[in-house]
Amino acid sequence: MKKLYTIIFIISILFISCEQKQVKFEQNKWKTRNDIDYNHREFMIQDLKENYLKPGIKYKEVEKLLGGNYNERSEDSIQLQYEIYVDFGTDIDPVETKTFIVNFTSDSVFVNTRIDH
């Protein structure tokens, strides 16, 4: 019986530790760089998508909310890109990156988001 409780306890700990931590979006924290990266941003994305990036929001509003950053424009779309994570390994060149991308129509209306990894 004691062995069964131990196994259940270990499995419970594994499930709890695998759960991804989510935090509320905070504009000041989003814009703050920790040492060399923005690794805290990833935990804010769910709240950001659910409560801030609503259909119809305009490019300028999102840029004001998240800060100006790298953007890409084409004839039919606009894209804002925000660094989430960069792993340099043991080199000066990145070996892994994660980028939060916010897409807009050419007339600056929010379309969707994605994470490039």
N, C-alpha and C. Protein backbone atom coordinates (compact mmCIF):
# COMPACT_ATOMS: atom_id res chain seq x y z
N MET A 1 0.81 -1.19 0.00
CA MET A 1 0.00 0.00 0.00
C MET A 1 0.86 1.26 0.00
N LYS A 2 1.94 1.24 0.79
CA LYS A 2 2.84 2.38 0.85
C LYS A 2 3.49 2.62 -0.52
N LYS A 3 3.78 1.54 -1.21
CA LYS A 3 4.38 1.64 -2.54
C LYS A 3 3.42 2.31 -3.53
N LEU A 4 2.14 1.98 -3.43
CA LEU A 4 1.12 2.58 -4.29
C LEU A 4 1.03 4.09 -4.06
N TYR A 5 1.02 4.50 -2.79
CA TYR A 5 0.99 5.94 -2.47
C TYR A 5 2.23 6.65 -3.00
N THR A 6 3.36 6.02 -2.92
CA THR A 6 4.60 6.61 -3.43
C THR A 6 4.53 6.79 -4.93
N ILE A 7 4.02 5.81 -5.64
CA ILE A 7 3.90 5.89 -7.10
C ILE A 7 2.91 7.00 -7.48
N ILE A 8 1.78 7.06 -6.80
CA ILE A 8 0.79 8.10 -7.08
C ILE A 8 1.39 9.48 -6.80
N PHE A 9 2.13 9.61 -5.72
CA PHE A 9 2.77 10.88 -5.38
C PHE A 9 3.76 11.31 -6.46
N ILE A 10 4.58 10.40 -6.92
CA ILE A 10 5.58 10.71 -7.95
C ILE A 10 4.90 11.12 -9.25
N ILE A 11 3.86 10.39 -9.65
CA ILE A 11 3.13 10.74 -10.88
C ILE A 11 2.48 12.12 -10.74
N SER A 12 1.92 12.41 -9.58
CA SER A 12 1.31 13.73 -9.35
C SER A 12 2.34 14.84 -9.47
N ILE A 13 3.49 14.65 -8.90
CA ILE A 13 4.57 15.65 -8.98
C ILE A 13 4.99 15.85 -10.42
N LEU A 14 5.07 14.79 -11.19
CA LEU A 14 5.45 14.91 -12.60
C LEU A 14 4.42 15.74 -13.37
N PHE A 15 3.14 15.49 -13.15
CA PHE A 15 2.10 16.27 -13.84
C PHE A 15 2.14 17.74 -13.45
N ILE A 16 2.32 18.00 -12.18
CA ILE A 16 2.36 19.39 -11.70
C ILE A 16 3.58 20.12 -12.26
N SER A 17 4.71 19.45 -12.30
CA SER A 17 5.93 20.11 -12.79
C SER A 17 5.92 20.32 -14.29
N CYS A 18 5.14 19.56 -15.03
CA CYS A 18 5.08 19.70 -16.48
C CYS A 18 4.12 20.80 -16.92
N GLU A 19 3.27 21.25 -16.02
CA GLU A 19 2.30 22.29 -16.36
C GLU A 19 3.04 23.60 -16.66
N GLN A 20 2.69 24.21 -17.79
CA GLN A 20 3.35 25.46 -18.17
C GLN A 20 2.77 26.61 -17.36
N LYS A 21 3.65 27.37 -16.77
CA LYS A 21 3.25 28.51 -15.95
C LYS A 21 2.72 29.63 -16.84
N GLN A 22 1.56 30.17 -16.51
CA GLN A 22 1.00 31.31 -17.22
C GLN A 22 0.86 32.46 -16.24
N VAL A 23 1.17 33.66 -16.69
CA VAL A 23 1.02 34.84 -15.85
C VAL A 23 0.23 35.90 -16.61
N LYS A 24 -0.31 36.85 -15.87
CA LYS A 24 -1.04 37.96 -16.50
C LYS A 24 -0.08 38.84 -17.27
N PHE A 25 -0.56 39.35 -18.40
CA PHE A 25 0.23 40.27 -19.20
C PHE A 25 0.43 41.57 -18.43
N GLU A 26 1.68 42.03 -18.35
CA GLU A 26 2.01 43.32 -17.76
C GLU A 26 2.90 44.06 -18.74
N GLN A 27 2.44 45.20 -19.19
CA GLN A 27 3.13 45.96 -20.23
C GLN A 27 4.57 46.29 -19.84
N ASN A 28 4.81 46.74 -18.63
CA ASN A 28 6.17 47.09 -18.22
C ASN A 28 7.10 45.89 -18.21
N LYS A 29 6.60 44.75 -17.73
CA LYS A 29 7.42 43.54 -17.72
C LYS A 29 7.69 43.06 -19.14
N TRP A 30 6.68 43.15 -20.02
CA TRP A 30 6.85 42.73 -21.41
C TRP A 30 8.01 43.47 -22.06
N LYS A 31 8.11 44.75 -21.78
CA LYS A 31 9.12 45.60 -22.42
C LYS A 31 10.48 45.53 -21.74
N THR A 32 10.57 44.85 -20.58
CA THR A 32 11.82 44.78 -19.83
C THR A 32 12.65 43.57 -20.25
N ARG A 33 13.91 43.82 -20.54
CA ARG A 33 14.84 42.76 -20.93
C ARG A 33 15.52 42.23 -19.67
N ASN A 34 15.51 40.90 -19.49
CA ASN A 34 16.21 40.26 -18.38
C ASN A 34 17.59 39.84 -18.86
N ASP A 35 18.62 40.50 -18.39
CA ASP A 35 19.99 40.24 -18.83
C ASP A 35 20.08 40.35 -20.34
N ILE A 36 19.98 39.21 -21.05
CA ILE A 36 20.13 39.25 -22.50
C ILE A 36 18.90 38.79 -23.26
N ASP A 37 17.80 38.49 -22.56
CA ASP A 37 16.63 37.98 -23.29
C ASP A 37 15.32 38.45 -22.66
N TYR A 38 14.23 37.99 -23.26
CA TYR A 38 12.88 38.29 -22.80
C TYR A 38 12.16 36.99 -22.44
N ASN A 39 12.84 36.08 -21.76
CA ASN A 39 12.26 34.75 -21.55
C ASN A 39 10.98 34.76 -20.73
N HIS A 40 10.64 35.84 -20.05
CA HIS A 40 9.40 35.93 -19.28
C HIS A 40 8.19 36.18 -20.18
N ARG A 41 8.39 36.60 -21.41
CA ARG A 41 7.28 36.93 -22.31
C ARG A 41 6.42 35.72 -22.64
N GLU A 42 7.06 34.58 -22.80
CA GLU A 42 6.32 33.39 -23.22
C GLU A 42 5.16 33.07 -22.28
N PHE A 43 5.33 33.32 -21.00
CA PHE A 43 4.30 33.00 -20.02
C PHE A 43 3.14 34.00 -20.02
N MET A 44 3.32 35.14 -20.70
CA MET A 44 2.27 36.17 -20.78
C MET A 44 1.42 36.04 -22.04
N ILE A 45 1.86 35.26 -22.99
CA ILE A 45 1.22 35.24 -24.31
C ILE A 45 -0.23 34.78 -24.27
N GLN A 46 -0.55 33.77 -23.49
CA GLN A 46 -1.93 33.29 -23.42
C GLN A 46 -2.87 34.39 -22.95
N ASP A 47 -2.50 35.08 -21.87
CA ASP A 47 -3.33 36.18 -21.37
C ASP A 47 -3.40 37.32 -22.38
N LEU A 48 -2.30 37.61 -23.02
CA LEU A 48 -2.26 38.66 -24.05
C LEU A 48 -3.23 38.35 -25.18
N LYS A 49 -3.22 37.11 -25.65
CA LYS A 49 -4.10 36.72 -26.75
C LYS A 49 -5.57 36.72 -26.33
N GLU A 50 -5.85 36.27 -25.12
CA GLU A 50 -7.24 36.16 -24.67
C GLU A 50 -7.85 37.51 -24.29
N ASN A 51 -7.06 38.42 -23.75
CA ASN A 51 -7.62 39.63 -23.17
C ASN A 51 -7.24 40.95 -23.84
N TYR A 52 -6.27 40.94 -24.72
CA TYR A 52 -5.80 42.20 -25.31
C TYR A 52 -5.86 42.22 -26.83
N LEU A 53 -5.46 41.15 -27.47
CA LEU A 53 -5.42 41.12 -28.94
C LEU A 53 -6.76 40.66 -29.48
N LYS A 54 -7.71 41.56 -29.49
CA LYS A 54 -9.08 41.27 -29.91
C LYS A 54 -9.26 41.58 -31.40
N PRO A 55 -10.22 40.91 -32.05
CA PRO A 55 -10.49 41.22 -33.45
C PRO A 55 -10.80 42.70 -33.64
N GLY A 56 -10.23 43.28 -34.68
CA GLY A 56 -10.46 44.69 -34.97
C GLY A 56 -9.45 45.65 -34.38
N ILE A 57 -8.61 45.17 -33.46
CA ILE A 57 -7.60 46.06 -32.88
C ILE A 57 -6.63 46.48 -33.98
N LYS A 58 -6.17 47.70 -33.91
CA LYS A 58 -5.32 48.27 -34.97
C LYS A 58 -3.84 48.12 -34.64
N TYR A 59 -3.04 48.17 -35.68
CA TYR A 59 -1.58 48.06 -35.59
C TYR A 59 -1.01 49.04 -34.56
N LYS A 60 -1.41 50.30 -34.62
CA LYS A 60 -0.87 51.34 -33.72
C LYS A 60 -1.19 51.03 -32.26
N GLU A 61 -2.37 50.46 -32.00
CA GLU A 61 -2.75 50.11 -30.63
C GLU A 61 -1.87 48.98 -30.10
N VAL A 62 -1.62 47.98 -30.95
CA VAL A 62 -0.78 46.85 -30.54
C VAL A 62 0.66 47.33 -30.35
N GLU A 63 1.12 48.18 -31.24
CA GLU A 63 2.48 48.71 -31.13
C GLU A 63 2.63 49.52 -29.83
N LYS A 64 1.61 50.27 -29.47
CA LYS A 64 1.63 51.03 -28.22
C LYS A 64 1.62 50.09 -27.02
N LEU A 65 0.84 49.01 -27.10
CA LEU A 65 0.72 48.04 -26.01
C LEU A 65 2.01 47.25 -25.81
N LEU A 66 2.58 46.74 -26.90
CA LEU A 66 3.73 45.84 -26.82
C LEU A 66 5.07 46.53 -27.06
N GLY A 67 5.02 47.75 -27.55
CA GLY A 67 6.26 48.45 -27.86
C GLY A 67 6.61 48.28 -29.32
N GLY A 68 7.31 49.26 -29.85
CA GLY A 68 7.76 49.17 -31.24
C GLY A 68 8.82 48.10 -31.36
N ASN A 69 8.80 47.38 -32.42
CA ASN A 69 9.78 46.32 -32.62
C ASN A 69 9.93 46.07 -34.10
N TYR A 70 10.66 45.02 -34.43
CA TYR A 70 10.87 44.69 -35.83
C TYR A 70 9.52 44.47 -36.51
N ASN A 71 9.33 45.11 -37.66
CA ASN A 71 8.10 44.86 -38.41
C ASN A 71 8.44 44.58 -39.86
N GLU A 72 7.53 43.88 -40.50
CA GLU A 72 7.69 43.50 -41.89
C GLU A 72 6.42 43.89 -42.62
N ARG A 73 6.57 44.51 -43.78
CA ARG A 73 5.40 44.93 -44.56
C ARG A 73 5.47 44.33 -45.96
N SER A 74 4.31 43.96 -46.45
CA SER A 74 4.19 43.55 -47.85
C SER A 74 2.95 44.25 -48.40
N GLU A 75 2.61 43.95 -49.64
CA GLU A 75 1.44 44.61 -50.24
C GLU A 75 0.14 44.28 -49.52
N ASP A 76 0.04 43.05 -48.98
CA ASP A 76 -1.23 42.64 -48.38
C ASP A 76 -1.19 42.35 -46.88
N SER A 77 -0.05 42.62 -46.21
CA SER A 77 0.00 42.34 -44.78
C SER A 77 1.10 43.13 -44.07
N ILE A 78 0.93 43.21 -42.75
CA ILE A 78 1.93 43.83 -41.87
C ILE A 78 2.16 42.84 -40.73
N GLN A 79 3.39 42.80 -40.25
CA GLN A 79 3.73 41.85 -39.20
C GLN A 79 4.61 42.53 -38.15
N LEU A 80 4.26 42.36 -36.88
CA LEU A 80 5.13 42.77 -35.78
C LEU A 80 5.75 41.52 -35.20
N GLN A 81 7.05 41.56 -34.89
CA GLN A 81 7.75 40.39 -34.37
C GLN A 81 8.42 40.75 -33.05
N TYR A 82 8.21 39.89 -32.04
CA TYR A 82 8.76 40.11 -30.71
C TYR A 82 9.56 38.90 -30.27
N GLU A 83 10.78 39.14 -29.87
CA GLU A 83 11.66 38.07 -29.39
C GLU A 83 11.11 37.53 -28.08
N ILE A 84 11.06 36.19 -28.00
CA ILE A 84 10.64 35.53 -26.77
C ILE A 84 11.83 34.85 -26.12
N TYR A 85 12.60 34.17 -26.94
CA TYR A 85 13.68 33.34 -26.39
C TYR A 85 14.79 33.21 -27.41
N VAL A 86 16.03 33.31 -26.94
CA VAL A 86 17.20 33.07 -27.79
C VAL A 86 18.19 32.26 -26.98
N ASP A 87 18.61 31.12 -27.53
CA ASP A 87 19.63 30.29 -26.88
C ASP A 87 20.91 30.38 -27.71
N PHE A 88 21.96 30.84 -27.08
CA PHE A 88 23.24 30.98 -27.77
C PHE A 88 24.13 29.76 -27.60
N GLY A 89 23.73 28.82 -26.75
CA GLY A 89 24.58 27.65 -26.53
C GLY A 89 25.93 28.11 -26.01
N THR A 90 27.00 27.63 -26.62
CA THR A 90 28.35 28.02 -26.22
C THR A 90 28.99 28.94 -27.23
N ASP A 91 28.19 29.52 -28.11
CA ASP A 91 28.70 30.34 -29.20
C ASP A 91 28.08 31.73 -29.12
N ILE A 92 28.54 32.63 -29.98
CA ILE A 92 27.95 33.97 -30.03
C ILE A 92 26.77 34.02 -30.99
N ASP A 93 26.61 33.00 -31.80
CA ASP A 93 25.50 32.92 -32.74
C ASP A 93 24.36 32.11 -32.12
N PRO A 94 23.11 32.54 -32.30
CA PRO A 94 21.99 31.80 -31.73
C PRO A 94 21.86 30.40 -32.34
N VAL A 95 21.54 29.44 -31.48
CA VAL A 95 21.29 28.08 -31.95
C VAL A 95 19.80 27.75 -31.90
N GLU A 96 19.03 28.54 -31.14
CA GLU A 96 17.58 28.33 -31.05
C GLU A 96 16.92 29.68 -30.76
N THR A 97 15.81 29.95 -31.43
CA THR A 97 15.06 31.19 -31.18
C THR A 97 13.57 30.92 -31.15
N LYS A 98 12.84 31.78 -30.45
CA LYS A 98 11.38 31.78 -30.45
C LYS A 98 10.94 33.21 -30.65
N THR A 99 9.99 33.41 -31.57
CA THR A 99 9.51 34.75 -31.88
C THR A 99 7.99 34.76 -31.88
N PHE A 100 7.41 35.75 -31.20
CA PHE A 100 5.96 35.95 -31.18
C PHE A 100 5.63 36.89 -32.33
N ILE A 101 4.77 36.45 -33.24
CA ILE A 101 4.46 37.22 -34.44
C ILE A 101 2.98 37.62 -34.41
N VAL A 102 2.74 38.91 -34.63
CA VAL A 102 1.38 39.46 -34.68
C VAL A 102 1.14 39.92 -36.11
N ASN A 103 0.12 39.36 -36.76
CA ASN A 103 -0.18 39.66 -38.17
C ASN A 103 -1.37 40.62 -38.30
N PHE A 104 -1.26 41.51 -39.30
CA PHE A 104 -2.29 42.50 -39.60
C PHE A 104 -2.55 42.50 -41.10
N THR A 105 -3.74 42.97 -41.47
CA THR A 105 -4.03 43.19 -42.89
C THR A 105 -3.27 44.43 -43.34
N SER A 106 -3.28 44.70 -44.63
CA SER A 106 -2.57 45.87 -45.15
C SER A 106 -3.16 47.19 -44.64
N ASP A 107 -4.43 47.16 -44.20
CA ASP A 107 -5.02 48.38 -43.63
C ASP A 107 -4.95 48.39 -42.10
N SER A 108 -3.98 47.65 -41.55
CA SER A 108 -3.60 47.70 -40.12
C SER A 108 -4.59 47.07 -39.15
N VAL A 109 -5.42 46.14 -39.59
CA VAL A 109 -6.37 45.46 -38.70
C VAL A 109 -5.78 44.10 -38.29
N PHE A 110 -5.82 43.81 -36.99
CA PHE A 110 -5.28 42.57 -36.44
C PHE A 110 -5.94 41.35 -37.08
N VAL A 111 -5.11 40.35 -37.44
CA VAL A 111 -5.61 39.10 -38.03
C VAL A 111 -5.41 37.93 -37.07
N ASN A 112 -4.15 37.66 -36.70
CA ASN A 112 -3.86 36.52 -35.84
C ASN A 112 -2.44 36.63 -35.28
N THR A 113 -2.08 35.63 -34.47
CA THR A 113 -0.73 35.55 -33.92
C THR A 113 -0.19 34.14 -34.14
N ARG A 114 1.11 34.02 -34.02
CA ARG A 114 1.73 32.70 -34.05
C ARG A 114 3.10 32.80 -33.37
N ILE A 115 3.65 31.65 -33.04
CA ILE A 115 4.99 31.59 -32.48
C ILE A 115 5.85 30.81 -33.44
N ASP A 116 6.92 31.42 -33.91
CA ASP A 116 7.91 30.73 -34.74
C ASP A 116 9.00 30.22 -33.83
N HIS A 117 9.31 28.94 -33.96
CA HIS A 117 10.32 28.32 -33.11
C HIS A 117 11.27 27.53 -33.96
